[in-house]
Protein backbone atom coordinates (compact mmCIF):
# COMPACT_ATOMS: atom_id res chain seq x y z
CA MET A 1 -49.53 19.84 -38.35
CA ASP A 2 -52.33 22.32 -39.04
CA ILE A 3 -50.12 25.19 -40.18
CA ASN A 4 -52.98 27.71 -40.36
CA LYS A 5 -53.99 26.97 -36.83
CA ILE A 6 -50.43 27.25 -35.69
CA ARG A 7 -49.92 30.61 -37.50
CA ALA A 8 -53.06 31.94 -35.87
CA ASP A 9 -51.31 31.45 -32.51
CA PHE A 10 -48.69 34.09 -33.56
CA PRO A 11 -50.40 37.54 -33.96
CA ILE A 12 -47.28 39.18 -35.40
CA LEU A 13 -47.41 36.98 -38.47
CA GLY A 14 -50.57 38.77 -39.58
CA ARG A 15 -49.04 42.21 -39.81
CA THR A 16 -47.73 43.96 -42.92
CA VAL A 17 -44.34 45.53 -43.59
CA TYR A 18 -44.07 48.28 -46.23
CA ASN A 19 -47.69 47.33 -47.20
CA ARG A 20 -46.71 43.73 -47.81
CA PRO A 21 -47.49 40.61 -45.73
CA LEU A 22 -44.68 39.88 -43.33
CA VAL A 23 -42.56 36.85 -44.23
CA TYR A 24 -40.47 36.25 -41.20
CA LEU A 25 -37.36 34.11 -42.00
CA ASP A 26 -35.06 35.22 -39.23
CA ASN A 27 -35.83 32.49 -36.71
CA GLY A 28 -32.18 31.71 -36.10
CA ALA A 29 -31.85 35.09 -34.48
CA THR A 30 -35.07 34.83 -32.43
CA THR A 31 -38.43 33.25 -32.88
CA GLN A 32 -41.84 34.88 -32.69
CA LYS A 33 -44.00 34.18 -29.61
CA PRO A 34 -47.31 32.39 -29.52
CA ARG A 35 -50.14 34.15 -27.77
CA CYS A 36 -50.05 31.66 -24.85
CA VAL A 37 -46.47 32.61 -24.00
CA VAL A 38 -47.26 36.33 -23.82
CA GLU A 39 -50.49 35.67 -21.88
CA ALA A 40 -48.57 33.57 -19.33
CA MET A 41 -46.31 36.49 -18.66
CA VAL A 42 -49.17 39.01 -18.39
CA ASN A 43 -51.21 36.68 -16.18
CA GLU A 44 -48.37 36.16 -13.79
CA TYR A 45 -47.50 39.80 -13.53
CA TYR A 46 -51.20 40.69 -12.86
CA SER A 47 -52.09 37.83 -10.53
CA VAL A 48 -49.06 36.13 -8.97
CA ASN A 49 -46.19 38.63 -8.99
CA ALA A 50 -43.96 38.20 -5.96
CA ASN A 51 -40.26 37.42 -5.39
CA VAL A 52 -39.56 33.69 -5.21
CA HIS A 53 -37.98 31.50 -2.52
CA ARG A 54 -37.93 34.22 0.14
CA GLY A 55 -41.49 34.87 1.24
CA VAL A 56 -43.90 33.14 3.59
CA HIS A 57 -46.90 34.94 2.12
CA PHE A 58 -49.23 33.35 -0.44
CA LEU A 59 -48.13 35.19 -3.57
CA SER A 60 -44.43 34.40 -2.94
CA GLN A 61 -45.25 30.72 -2.31
CA GLN A 62 -47.36 30.62 -5.51
CA ALA A 63 -44.67 32.37 -7.63
CA THR A 64 -42.07 29.90 -6.16
CA GLU A 65 -44.25 26.98 -7.15
CA LEU A 66 -44.59 28.25 -10.73
CA HIS A 67 -40.83 28.96 -10.97
CA GLU A 68 -39.84 25.47 -9.77
CA ALA A 69 -42.57 23.82 -11.93
CA ALA A 70 -40.87 25.54 -14.91
CA ARG A 71 -37.59 23.94 -13.86
CA GLU A 72 -39.30 20.56 -13.90
CA THR A 73 -40.77 21.28 -17.37
CA VAL A 74 -37.22 22.02 -18.65
CA ARG A 75 -35.90 18.88 -16.98
CA ARG A 76 -38.59 16.79 -18.65
CA PHE A 77 -38.16 18.44 -22.04
CA ILE A 78 -34.46 17.58 -22.26
CA ASN A 79 -34.79 14.36 -20.08
CA ALA A 80 -32.30 15.53 -17.44
CA ARG A 81 -31.93 13.25 -14.45
CA SER A 82 -32.85 15.86 -11.79
CA THR A 83 -34.05 19.43 -11.47
CA SER A 84 -30.80 19.98 -9.49
CA GLU A 85 -29.08 19.86 -12.89
CA ILE A 86 -31.15 22.67 -14.39
CA ILE A 87 -29.63 26.12 -13.92
CA PHE A 88 -31.59 29.18 -15.08
CA THR A 89 -29.45 31.89 -16.75
CA ARG A 90 -30.07 34.86 -19.03
CA GLY A 91 -29.38 32.81 -22.17
CA THR A 92 -26.93 30.63 -24.05
CA THR A 93 -24.30 33.30 -23.89
CA GLU A 94 -24.44 33.65 -20.07
CA SER A 95 -24.51 29.90 -19.73
CA ILE A 96 -21.25 29.52 -21.68
CA ASN A 97 -19.68 32.42 -19.81
CA LEU A 98 -20.70 30.66 -16.52
CA MET A 99 -18.97 27.58 -17.72
CA ALA A 100 -15.83 29.41 -18.78
CA TYR A 101 -15.58 31.06 -15.37
CA SER A 102 -16.73 28.28 -13.01
CA PHE A 103 -15.47 25.25 -14.85
CA GLY A 104 -12.34 27.19 -15.75
CA GLU A 105 -11.72 28.10 -12.11
CA ALA A 106 -12.19 24.51 -10.95
CA PHE A 107 -10.43 22.47 -13.63
CA LEU A 108 -8.36 24.61 -16.02
CA HIS A 109 -4.74 25.73 -15.54
CA GLU A 110 -2.00 27.34 -17.64
CA GLY A 111 -1.36 25.11 -20.67
CA ASP A 112 -4.62 23.18 -20.46
CA GLU A 113 -6.59 22.83 -23.66
CA VAL A 114 -10.22 23.38 -24.70
CA ILE A 115 -11.43 22.02 -28.10
CA VAL A 116 -13.96 24.00 -30.07
CA SER A 117 -14.87 23.91 -33.76
CA ALA A 118 -14.40 26.12 -36.76
CA MET A 119 -18.11 26.82 -37.01
CA GLU A 120 -18.75 28.18 -33.48
CA HIS A 121 -20.73 31.24 -32.63
CA HIS A 122 -18.74 33.98 -30.92
CA SER A 123 -20.47 33.05 -27.67
CA ASN A 124 -18.51 29.76 -27.73
CA ILE A 125 -15.22 31.36 -28.70
CA VAL A 126 -14.76 34.65 -26.78
CA PRO A 127 -15.47 33.33 -23.25
CA TRP A 128 -12.68 30.79 -23.75
CA GLN A 129 -10.38 33.43 -25.09
CA LEU A 130 -11.03 35.56 -22.01
CA LEU A 131 -10.20 32.58 -19.94
CA ALA A 132 -7.02 32.12 -21.97
CA GLN A 133 -6.05 35.67 -21.07
CA ARG A 134 -6.71 35.06 -17.40
CA LYS A 135 -5.20 31.60 -17.04
CA GLY A 136 -3.13 30.85 -20.15
CA ILE A 137 -5.27 28.03 -21.59
CA VAL A 138 -5.04 26.98 -25.24
CA LEU A 139 -7.85 26.65 -27.83
CA ARG A 140 -7.70 23.82 -30.24
CA VAL A 141 -10.02 23.98 -33.31
CA ILE A 142 -11.77 21.19 -35.18
CA PRO A 143 -11.50 21.93 -38.94
CA ILE A 144 -14.40 21.63 -41.33
CA THR A 145 -14.81 20.44 -44.99
CA ASP A 146 -15.92 22.71 -47.77
CA GLU A 147 -19.39 21.23 -47.31
CA GLY A 148 -19.47 22.42 -43.82
CA GLU A 149 -18.99 19.19 -41.90
CA LEU A 150 -16.57 18.62 -39.05
CA ILE A 151 -13.52 16.53 -40.00
CA MET A 152 -13.88 13.91 -37.33
CA GLU A 153 -10.50 12.34 -38.00
CA GLU A 154 -8.82 15.63 -37.19
CA TYR A 155 -10.95 16.02 -34.15
CA GLN A 156 -9.63 12.75 -32.74
CA LYS A 157 -6.10 13.97 -33.24
CA LEU A 158 -6.60 17.08 -31.12
CA PHE A 159 -6.74 15.23 -27.81
CA SER A 160 -3.70 15.44 -25.58
CA PRO A 161 -3.02 14.89 -21.86
CA ARG A 162 -3.81 18.57 -21.40
CA THR A 163 -7.30 18.40 -22.99
CA ARG A 164 -9.84 19.41 -20.30
CA LEU A 165 -13.11 20.18 -22.24
CA VAL A 166 -14.73 19.96 -25.60
CA SER A 167 -17.27 22.73 -26.36
CA VAL A 168 -19.17 22.49 -29.66
CA ALA A 169 -22.42 23.62 -31.26
CA HIS A 170 -25.04 21.03 -31.85
CA VAL A 171 -26.26 22.86 -34.93
CA SER A 172 -24.39 25.61 -36.80
CA ASN A 173 -26.23 28.96 -36.84
CA VAL A 174 -24.77 29.72 -40.23
CA LEU A 175 -24.40 26.43 -42.08
CA GLY A 176 -27.33 24.50 -40.53
CA THR A 177 -24.91 21.55 -40.03
CA VAL A 178 -26.21 19.11 -37.43
CA ASN A 179 -22.99 17.94 -35.83
CA PRO A 180 -22.60 14.29 -34.63
CA VAL A 181 -22.59 15.30 -31.00
CA ALA A 182 -23.20 11.73 -29.81
CA ASP A 183 -19.95 10.70 -31.57
CA ILE A 184 -18.12 13.71 -30.36
CA ILE A 185 -19.16 13.01 -26.76
CA HIS A 186 -18.21 9.30 -27.10
CA THR A 187 -14.72 10.17 -28.38
CA ALA A 188 -14.19 12.70 -25.64
CA HIS A 189 -15.33 10.38 -22.91
CA ALA A 190 -12.87 7.80 -24.14
CA HIS A 191 -10.25 10.37 -23.17
CA ASP A 192 -12.01 11.13 -19.87
CA VAL A 193 -12.91 14.68 -21.15
CA PRO A 194 -16.32 16.23 -20.53
CA VAL A 195 -18.34 17.90 -23.28
CA LEU A 196 -20.38 21.11 -23.42
CA VAL A 197 -22.97 21.29 -26.25
CA ASP A 198 -24.32 24.62 -27.35
CA GLY A 199 -27.94 23.74 -28.13
CA ALA A 200 -29.18 27.26 -29.04
CA GLN A 201 -29.93 26.20 -32.64
CA SER A 202 -31.03 22.63 -31.91
CA ILE A 203 -33.53 22.95 -29.16
CA PRO A 204 -36.26 24.54 -31.39
CA HIS A 205 -35.84 22.04 -34.21
CA MET A 206 -35.35 18.56 -32.79
CA LYS A 207 -35.90 16.29 -29.79
CA VAL A 208 -32.99 16.53 -27.37
CA ASP A 209 -32.22 13.89 -24.72
CA VAL A 210 -29.22 14.86 -22.67
CA GLN A 211 -29.00 11.44 -20.99
CA ALA A 212 -29.10 9.63 -24.29
CA LEU A 213 -26.42 11.88 -25.59
CA ASP A 214 -24.52 11.51 -22.30
CA ALA A 215 -23.79 15.27 -22.56
CA ASP A 216 -21.91 16.67 -19.51
CA PHE A 217 -23.32 20.16 -20.15
CA TYR A 218 -25.99 21.43 -22.51
CA VAL A 219 -27.07 25.12 -22.96
CA PHE A 220 -29.84 26.90 -24.79
CA SER A 221 -31.93 30.17 -24.89
CA ALA A 222 -35.67 30.51 -24.38
CA HIS A 223 -36.11 33.07 -27.19
CA LYS A 224 -34.88 30.61 -29.75
CA VAL A 225 -37.67 28.21 -28.92
CA TYR A 226 -40.63 30.54 -28.92
CA GLY A 227 -40.15 31.74 -25.39
CA PRO A 228 -39.13 35.16 -23.94
CA THR A 229 -35.85 36.93 -24.20
CA GLY A 230 -33.48 37.13 -21.27
CA VAL A 231 -33.95 33.52 -20.07
CA GLY A 232 -31.67 30.50 -20.70
CA VAL A 233 -30.69 27.20 -19.36
CA LEU A 234 -27.46 25.48 -18.36
CA TYR A 235 -27.86 21.73 -17.84
CA GLY A 236 -24.92 20.08 -16.10
CA LYS A 237 -24.34 16.76 -14.55
CA GLU A 238 -24.32 17.01 -10.76
CA LYS A 239 -20.90 15.46 -10.46
CA TRP A 240 -19.43 18.51 -12.33
CA LEU A 241 -21.68 21.22 -10.91
CA ASP A 242 -20.92 20.14 -7.37
CA GLN A 243 -17.28 20.74 -7.94
CA MET A 244 -17.60 24.11 -9.69
CA PRO A 245 -17.53 27.42 -7.70
CA PRO A 246 -20.33 29.94 -8.00
CA TYR A 247 -20.32 32.28 -11.01
CA GLN A 248 -21.75 35.25 -9.08
CA GLY A 249 -22.34 36.09 -5.45
CA GLY A 250 -25.42 37.54 -3.73
CA GLY A 251 -28.76 36.50 -2.42
CA GLU A 252 -30.21 33.10 -3.02
CA MET A 253 -26.93 31.36 -3.74
CA ILE A 254 -25.86 31.26 -0.04
CA GLN A 255 -26.69 29.12 2.99
CA HIS A 256 -24.96 31.32 5.58
CA VAL A 257 -23.05 34.61 5.42
CA SER A 258 -20.84 36.24 8.00
CA PHE A 259 -17.96 38.72 7.63
CA GLU A 260 -15.60 35.83 8.27
CA ARG A 261 -17.02 33.19 5.94
CA THR A 262 -19.86 32.34 3.48
CA THR A 263 -21.23 28.85 2.75
CA PHE A 264 -23.03 28.26 -0.55
CA ASN A 265 -26.48 26.89 -1.27
CA GLU A 266 -27.23 23.50 -2.76
CA LEU A 267 -27.78 22.91 -6.45
CA PRO A 268 -29.17 24.46 -8.53
CA PHE A 269 -29.40 27.61 -6.47
CA LYS A 270 -25.64 27.92 -6.01
CA PHE A 271 -25.47 29.32 -9.54
CA GLU A 272 -28.56 31.50 -9.39
CA ALA A 273 -27.53 34.65 -7.47
CA GLY A 274 -30.16 37.40 -7.10
CA THR A 275 -33.74 37.54 -8.15
CA PRO A 276 -34.35 35.28 -11.10
CA ASP A 277 -36.57 36.11 -14.06
CA TYR A 278 -39.42 33.99 -12.52
CA ILE A 279 -41.91 35.49 -15.03
CA GLY A 280 -39.63 34.49 -17.86
CA THR A 281 -39.16 30.95 -16.63
CA THR A 282 -42.92 30.44 -16.49
CA ALA A 283 -43.09 31.74 -20.07
CA LEU A 284 -40.26 29.39 -21.10
CA ALA A 285 -42.17 26.43 -19.64
CA THR A 286 -45.23 27.53 -21.53
CA ALA A 287 -43.26 27.65 -24.78
CA LEU A 288 -41.85 24.18 -24.18
CA ASP A 289 -45.32 22.83 -23.46
CA TYR A 290 -46.51 24.51 -26.68
CA VAL A 291 -43.92 22.87 -28.93
CA SER A 292 -44.30 19.58 -27.03
CA ALA A 293 -48.02 19.56 -27.75
CA ILE A 294 -47.30 19.94 -31.46
CA GLY A 295 -44.57 17.28 -31.27
CA MET A 296 -40.86 17.82 -31.83
CA GLU A 297 -40.82 15.03 -34.43
CA GLN A 298 -43.59 16.77 -36.36
CA ILE A 299 -41.79 20.13 -36.16
CA ALA A 300 -38.57 18.57 -37.39
CA ALA A 301 -40.31 16.86 -40.35
CA HIS A 302 -42.12 20.06 -41.33
CA GLU A 303 -38.92 22.12 -41.21
CA HIS A 304 -36.96 19.49 -43.11
CA GLU A 305 -39.58 19.53 -45.86
CA LEU A 306 -39.33 23.37 -45.99
CA LEU A 307 -35.51 23.20 -46.13
CA SER A 308 -35.54 20.71 -48.94
CA TYR A 309 -38.11 22.66 -50.92
CA ALA A 310 -36.25 26.01 -50.37
CA THR A 311 -32.93 24.49 -51.34
CA GLN A 312 -34.40 23.03 -54.51
CA ARG A 313 -36.07 26.38 -55.44
CA MET A 314 -33.08 28.50 -54.58
CA GLU A 315 -30.62 26.33 -56.49
CA GLN A 316 -32.44 27.29 -59.71
CA ILE A 317 -31.56 30.96 -59.27
CA PRO A 318 -28.63 32.02 -61.54
CA GLY A 319 -25.52 32.86 -59.51
CA MET A 320 -26.80 31.31 -56.32
CA ARG A 321 -24.18 30.12 -53.86
CA ILE A 322 -25.44 28.17 -50.76
CA PHE A 323 -23.01 27.75 -47.93
CA GLY A 324 -23.49 24.58 -45.94
CA ARG A 325 -24.08 21.30 -47.74
CA ALA A 326 -23.88 18.86 -44.81
CA LYS A 327 -25.74 15.57 -45.20
CA GLN A 328 -27.37 16.30 -41.83
CA LYS A 329 -28.75 19.82 -41.89
CA SER A 330 -31.33 21.78 -39.95
CA GLY A 331 -33.54 24.68 -41.19
CA VAL A 332 -31.02 27.33 -42.24
CA ILE A 333 -29.92 28.48 -45.68
CA SER A 334 -27.03 30.94 -45.87
CA PHE A 335 -26.44 32.26 -49.43
CA LEU A 336 -25.01 34.85 -51.74
CA VAL A 337 -26.08 35.67 -55.29
CA GLY A 338 -23.38 36.62 -57.76
CA ASP A 339 -21.50 39.71 -56.64
CA ILE A 340 -24.50 41.21 -54.76
CA HIS A 341 -23.46 42.32 -51.29
CA HIS A 342 -25.37 40.43 -48.59
CA PHE A 343 -26.45 43.79 -46.98
CA ASP A 344 -27.87 45.02 -50.20
CA MET A 345 -29.78 41.83 -50.78
CA GLY A 346 -31.15 41.81 -47.27
CA THR A 347 -32.15 45.50 -47.38
CA LEU A 348 -34.08 45.14 -50.58
CA LEU A 349 -35.78 41.91 -49.49
CA ASP A 350 -36.91 43.82 -46.43
CA ARG A 351 -38.65 46.34 -48.65
CA LEU A 352 -40.55 43.37 -49.99
CA GLY A 353 -41.72 42.36 -46.51
CA ILE A 354 -39.21 39.54 -46.18
CA ALA A 355 -37.11 39.42 -42.95
CA VAL A 356 -33.82 37.69 -43.33
CA ARG A 357 -30.48 38.11 -41.50
CA THR A 358 -27.33 39.55 -43.15
CA GLY A 359 -23.75 39.76 -42.02
CA HIS A 360 -21.27 37.36 -40.37
CA HIS A 361 -23.87 36.01 -37.98
CA CYS A 362 -21.45 36.21 -34.97
CA ALA A 363 -19.24 33.67 -36.65
CA GLN A 364 -16.36 35.65 -38.11
CA PRO A 365 -13.81 32.76 -37.94
CA LEU A 366 -16.16 30.64 -40.03
CA MET A 367 -16.55 33.50 -42.61
CA ILE A 368 -12.68 33.56 -42.79
CA ARG A 369 -12.72 29.80 -43.46
CA LEU A 370 -15.29 30.25 -46.18
CA GLY A 371 -13.44 33.18 -47.73
CA ILE A 372 -16.30 35.65 -47.50
CA GLU A 373 -17.37 38.64 -45.38
CA GLY A 374 -20.89 37.50 -44.71
CA THR A 375 -24.07 35.90 -46.13
CA VAL A 376 -27.80 36.33 -46.32
CA ARG A 377 -29.46 33.83 -43.98
CA ALA A 378 -32.96 32.49 -44.22
CA SER A 379 -33.90 30.43 -41.18
CA PHE A 380 -37.11 28.56 -40.74
CA GLY A 381 -39.50 28.03 -37.83
CA LEU A 382 -42.50 25.79 -37.22
CA TYR A 383 -44.94 28.41 -38.62
CA ASN A 384 -43.23 29.02 -41.98
CA THR A 385 -44.75 27.74 -45.16
CA LYS A 386 -43.84 26.77 -48.75
CA GLU A 387 -45.77 29.86 -49.97
CA GLU A 388 -43.30 31.99 -47.90
CA VAL A 389 -40.44 30.16 -49.55
CA ASP A 390 -41.96 31.05 -52.94
CA THR A 391 -42.14 34.68 -51.86
CA LEU A 392 -38.49 34.58 -50.81
CA VAL A 393 -37.42 33.04 -54.16
CA ALA A 394 -39.37 35.60 -56.11
CA GLY A 395 -37.85 38.35 -54.00
CA ILE A 396 -34.31 37.10 -54.62
CA GLU A 397 -34.99 36.90 -58.37
CA ARG A 398 -36.41 40.41 -58.38
CA VAL A 399 -33.41 41.85 -56.51
CA SER A 400 -31.01 39.95 -58.71
CA LYS A 401 -32.48 41.50 -61.82
CA MET A 402 -31.89 44.92 -60.32
CA PHE A 403 -28.15 44.24 -60.26
């Protein structure tokens, strides 16, 4: 990887914050966008903009072709069997809410159980709690070790005749733990239970093959993988999607409407009511092509090297506590230093031009398990460097001396 060439693709990385060069280490929240992604959006608005699937005129046909080509790009990127299995949404959160509503309506009844883990993002907790309020389902939780790994023996004990779904993160947004989703899926399938994988934090960092994993559902957001905000993906096996009712009603998701009866469209359009963000889907495809050209294996190796280097440097700081010591870990370091409040640390690092995330990271149950209120989180992307890690370490040391 030519890191200087890559960084040149991201104009925002050249700006200053408080008269200091920006060090952007908040990639777990959202990634920056390469020039080609922004240009793809501008070019489509200026030259191809028209509503998709509904027009016989040239622009509409061209916009439709771009939108459906983006669906094929997503299919290829995650190795789905068919574009019929690729549903465009507004992001990971909407994808999981779609699942909680549609899968919940089709397959879950009072007393049925959904298994999640102790390290889930709120987006993979609250939708199931809302379903529990509506239908009386029960959440079962996979516990974790102090190192931040799932206790797989306990996971196996959670299954019962009422288990209907397992829904787990591929990678923890706080701990960086890479969960053994292939083993999770294998165990669940032995009980004839499907699995939903939250891939928001894995898609930018590693190669994902949904067929090799045998995942029943896989969800992710464009903005985590150098694409635009407001666009996401729900992958689902056709055998499940065919049986699930629509999440929303309106245009596009219908075949025929009368005041007496409505029949629904075929997959994937059954779940895509209204005008889609066809500009955003083109930009998502551009982002996926961008990281594919670099190579997901190369990105993973670069980020692993950064993670190892950062961990080694940060462990030398007096009072440093790093949360998440899993053997398999992605590019996230959540930490506290002594008694310094995470908000104070993050605020003062910001004044040094260093962007990190502070708080509970939408994972309050995990914070309760760790016995803390929140952490400072540094999360890496393909454009980060060891020099930026050195700047972070120097910043933490400077803030620590102030306290």
